[in-house]
Protein backbone atom coordinates (compact mmCIF):
# COMPACT_ATOMS: atom_id res chain seq x y z
CA MET A 1 2.10 25.17 -5.07
CA PRO A 2 2.86 23.37 -1.84
CA THR A 3 3.97 25.40 1.10
CA ARG A 4 5.48 22.42 2.90
CA THR A 5 6.87 19.11 1.70
CA PHE A 6 8.74 16.27 3.30
CA GLU A 7 10.60 13.08 2.55
CA GLY A 8 10.71 10.08 4.86
CA GLU A 9 8.97 11.24 8.03
CA LEU A 10 7.56 14.44 9.43
CA GLU A 11 6.10 15.10 12.86
CA HIS A 12 3.19 17.50 12.63
CA ARG A 13 0.84 18.75 15.34
CA VAL A 14 -2.93 18.75 15.00
CA GLY A 15 -4.17 20.73 17.97
CA ASP A 16 -2.23 19.33 20.89
CA LYS A 17 -1.64 15.92 19.29
CA PRO A 18 1.53 14.91 17.52
CA VAL A 19 0.95 13.14 14.23
CA ARG A 20 3.76 11.29 12.49
CA LEU A 21 3.53 11.38 8.71
CA ILE A 22 5.43 8.43 7.26
CA GLN A 23 6.15 8.19 3.54
CA VAL A 24 5.71 4.60 2.31
CA GLY A 25 5.22 5.04 -1.43
CA PRO A 26 5.33 4.34 -4.16
CA ALA A 27 2.79 1.59 -3.65
CA HIS A 28 -0.75 2.56 -4.64
CA THR A 29 0.62 5.96 -5.75
CA ARG A 30 3.97 7.73 -5.54
CA GLY A 31 2.75 9.87 -2.64
CA ASP A 32 1.54 7.20 -0.22
CA VAL A 33 1.71 8.42 3.38
CA LEU A 34 0.61 6.94 6.70
CA ALA A 35 -0.65 9.29 9.43
CA TYR A 36 0.17 7.80 12.83
CA VAL A 37 -1.31 9.32 16.01
CA PRO A 38 0.72 7.64 18.80
CA GLN A 39 -1.30 9.21 21.61
CA ASP A 40 -4.47 7.53 20.29
CA ARG A 41 -2.72 4.35 19.08
CA THR A 42 -4.37 5.01 15.70
CA ILE A 43 -3.05 5.02 12.14
CA PHE A 44 -4.71 6.37 9.02
CA THR A 45 -3.46 4.43 6.02
CA GLY A 46 -4.95 6.08 2.97
CA ASP A 47 -4.90 3.71 0.02
CA ILE A 48 -2.21 1.45 1.48
CA LEU A 49 -5.02 -0.71 2.92
CA PHE A 50 -8.10 -2.02 1.15
CA ILE A 51 -9.72 -4.11 3.88
CA ASN A 52 -11.85 -6.92 2.40
CA GLY A 53 -11.24 -5.52 -1.06
CA HIS A 54 -8.81 -6.08 -3.89
CA PRO A 55 -6.28 -3.24 -4.17
CA ILE A 56 -4.71 -1.91 -7.33
CA ILE A 57 -0.95 -1.58 -7.45
CA TRP A 58 -0.70 1.51 -9.62
CA ALA A 59 2.79 2.64 -8.70
CA GLY A 60 4.36 -0.39 -6.96
CA PRO A 61 6.62 -2.20 -6.31
CA ILE A 62 4.66 -4.62 -4.15
CA GLY A 63 7.59 -4.83 -1.73
CA ASN A 64 6.71 -1.31 -0.58
CA TRP A 65 3.18 -2.46 0.33
CA ILE A 66 4.64 -5.37 2.30
CA LYS A 67 7.10 -3.08 4.11
CA ALA A 68 4.32 -0.58 4.88
CA CYS A 69 2.16 -3.35 6.34
CA GLN A 70 5.05 -4.60 8.47
CA LEU A 71 5.70 -1.06 9.68
CA MET A 72 2.07 -0.78 10.82
CA ILE A 73 2.27 -4.15 12.56
CA ASP A 74 5.44 -3.04 14.37
CA LEU A 75 3.93 0.26 15.61
CA ASP A 76 2.00 0.59 18.86
CA VAL A 77 -1.36 0.64 17.06
CA GLU A 78 -4.79 -0.46 18.18
CA THR A 79 -7.03 1.18 15.56
CA VAL A 80 -6.31 1.12 11.83
CA VAL A 81 -8.35 3.38 9.55
CA PRO A 82 -7.92 2.12 5.98
CA GLY A 83 -8.47 4.01 2.77
CA HIS A 84 -11.06 1.42 1.75
CA GLY A 85 -13.15 -0.90 3.90
CA PRO A 86 -14.06 -1.03 7.57
CA ILE A 87 -11.91 0.16 10.46
CA THR A 88 -9.67 -2.69 11.53
CA ASP A 89 -6.70 -3.61 13.72
CA LYS A 90 -3.34 -5.27 13.22
CA LYS A 91 -5.08 -8.51 12.20
CA GLY A 92 -6.54 -6.73 9.17
CA VAL A 93 -3.10 -5.37 8.30
CA ALA A 94 -1.62 -8.87 8.57
CA VAL A 95 -4.25 -10.25 6.17
CA MET A 96 -3.39 -7.58 3.60
CA LYS A 97 0.32 -8.25 4.06
CA GLY A 98 -0.32 -11.95 3.46
CA TYR A 99 -2.26 -11.12 0.28
CA PHE A 100 0.63 -9.03 -1.05
CA GLU A 101 3.18 -11.71 -0.15
CA TYR A 102 1.05 -14.33 -1.91
CA ILE A 103 0.69 -12.23 -5.07
CA GLU A 104 4.41 -11.45 -5.13
CA ARG A 105 5.39 -15.10 -4.58
CA GLU A 106 2.98 -16.44 -7.21
CA ALA A 107 3.93 -13.78 -9.77
CA ARG A 108 7.62 -14.55 -9.23
CA ARG A 109 7.02 -18.31 -9.70
CA ARG A 110 5.27 -17.73 -13.00
CA TYR A 111 7.91 -15.26 -14.17
CA ASP A 112 10.67 -17.73 -13.31
CA ALA A 113 8.76 -20.44 -15.23
CA GLY A 114 8.80 -18.22 -18.32
CA LEU A 115 5.08 -17.43 -18.49
CA SER A 116 3.99 -14.26 -20.21
CA ILE A 117 2.38 -11.59 -18.05
CA ALA A 118 -1.02 -12.40 -19.57
CA ASP A 119 -0.63 -16.13 -18.90
CA ALA A 120 0.65 -15.50 -15.38
CA ALA A 121 -2.31 -13.20 -14.69
CA ARG A 122 -4.76 -15.90 -15.75
CA ASP A 123 -2.91 -18.60 -13.82
CA ILE A 124 -2.72 -16.98 -10.37
CA SER A 125 -5.65 -18.17 -8.28
CA LEU A 126 -7.39 -15.65 -6.07
CA SER A 127 -9.93 -18.15 -4.74
CA ASP A 128 -8.83 -17.54 -1.14
CA TYR A 129 -9.91 -13.92 -1.63
CA SER A 130 -13.17 -14.55 -3.50
CA SER A 131 -15.24 -13.03 -0.69
CA TRP A 132 -13.50 -9.68 -1.03
CA GLY A 133 -15.29 -6.78 -2.66
CA ASP A 134 -14.25 -4.81 -5.70
CA ALA A 135 -13.95 -7.96 -7.76
CA GLU A 136 -13.70 -5.89 -10.94
CA ARG A 137 -10.22 -4.88 -9.79
CA ILE A 138 -8.98 -8.43 -10.02
CA ALA A 139 -8.42 -8.19 -13.77
CA ILE A 140 -6.60 -4.88 -13.39
CA GLN A 141 -4.58 -6.20 -10.45
CA ARG A 142 -3.38 -9.24 -12.33
CA ARG A 143 -2.70 -7.73 -15.75
CA GLN A 144 -1.64 -4.16 -15.02
CA SER A 145 0.38 -4.69 -11.89
CA LEU A 146 2.39 -7.85 -12.59
CA PRO A 147 5.24 -5.82 -14.13
CA ARG A 148 5.25 -3.60 -11.02
CA ILE A 149 5.09 -6.60 -8.70
CA LEU A 150 8.19 -8.09 -10.25
CA ARG A 151 10.36 -4.99 -9.84
CA ARG A 152 13.24 -5.74 -7.52
CA LYS A 153 13.36 -2.32 -5.82
CA SER A 154 11.66 -2.15 -2.47
CA HIS A 155 12.30 1.03 -0.56
CA PHE A 156 10.40 4.11 0.48
CA LYS A 157 12.69 7.03 -0.28
CA HIS A 158 13.02 7.12 -4.07
CA CYS A 159 9.89 9.06 -4.96
CA GLY A 160 10.76 12.55 -3.75
CA ALA A 161 8.94 14.96 -1.52
CA VAL A 162 5.32 14.56 -0.52
CA ARG A 163 2.99 17.54 -0.38
CA ILE A 164 1.04 17.81 2.85
CA ASP A 165 -1.17 20.70 1.83
CA GLY A 166 -2.73 19.31 -1.36
CA ALA A 167 -2.55 16.54 -3.93
CA ASP A 168 0.56 14.39 -4.11
CA ARG A 169 2.83 14.85 -7.12
CA SER A 170 1.41 11.81 -8.88
CA GLN A 171 -1.96 13.52 -8.94
CA ALA A 172 -0.82 17.07 -9.64
CA ALA A 173 -0.42 18.01 -13.28
C-alpha cells in the first residue's frame, strides 16, 4: 500500500534539491507523472516522451499528451530525459507534440468523414515518421488508440491519486 499519494502537483525533496512531481495522465497510462528539477533545468518524462520512436496511447486521450508536451516547453528546461530514446531538449519535445497534433488532426478528419476505425488506421500516413524506431507499434498506435485519440476530454485531474512509492494504480492489481 502506498504511504504517500498526490493529485495534480507535489513538491518533494531529493537530498537538498526540490523536485516537482506533475501529474499529466492519463496519456500513456493513468499514472503519468513528470519529475521536474528546476535547479538543474531538467525534466524526467517517463513514458510521456518516446524520442525517435512511435509511442502507444494506452490510456489517452491524446490531448493530455499534447498538454504535457506544451507544459514541458513552457518550463525553464534545458535537459529532457525521456522514457524512451536519447536525452533531448525542448526541440525533441516539440517534435513529439507535433506528432500527437498530426495524429489527432488526421484521426478527427477521418472520423468526421465517416471512416471506420480500421479504415482510418490504414489511411493515416506516417511516412514523415518512417525513420523512427519501434515500427511494430505503428499498427497498435493506429488501431488500438484511435478511439482514445478521439475522446473529447483533455485534462489532467480526472484519474485520481498517483502513488510515489511504487507502481501507479493502472499497474497495481
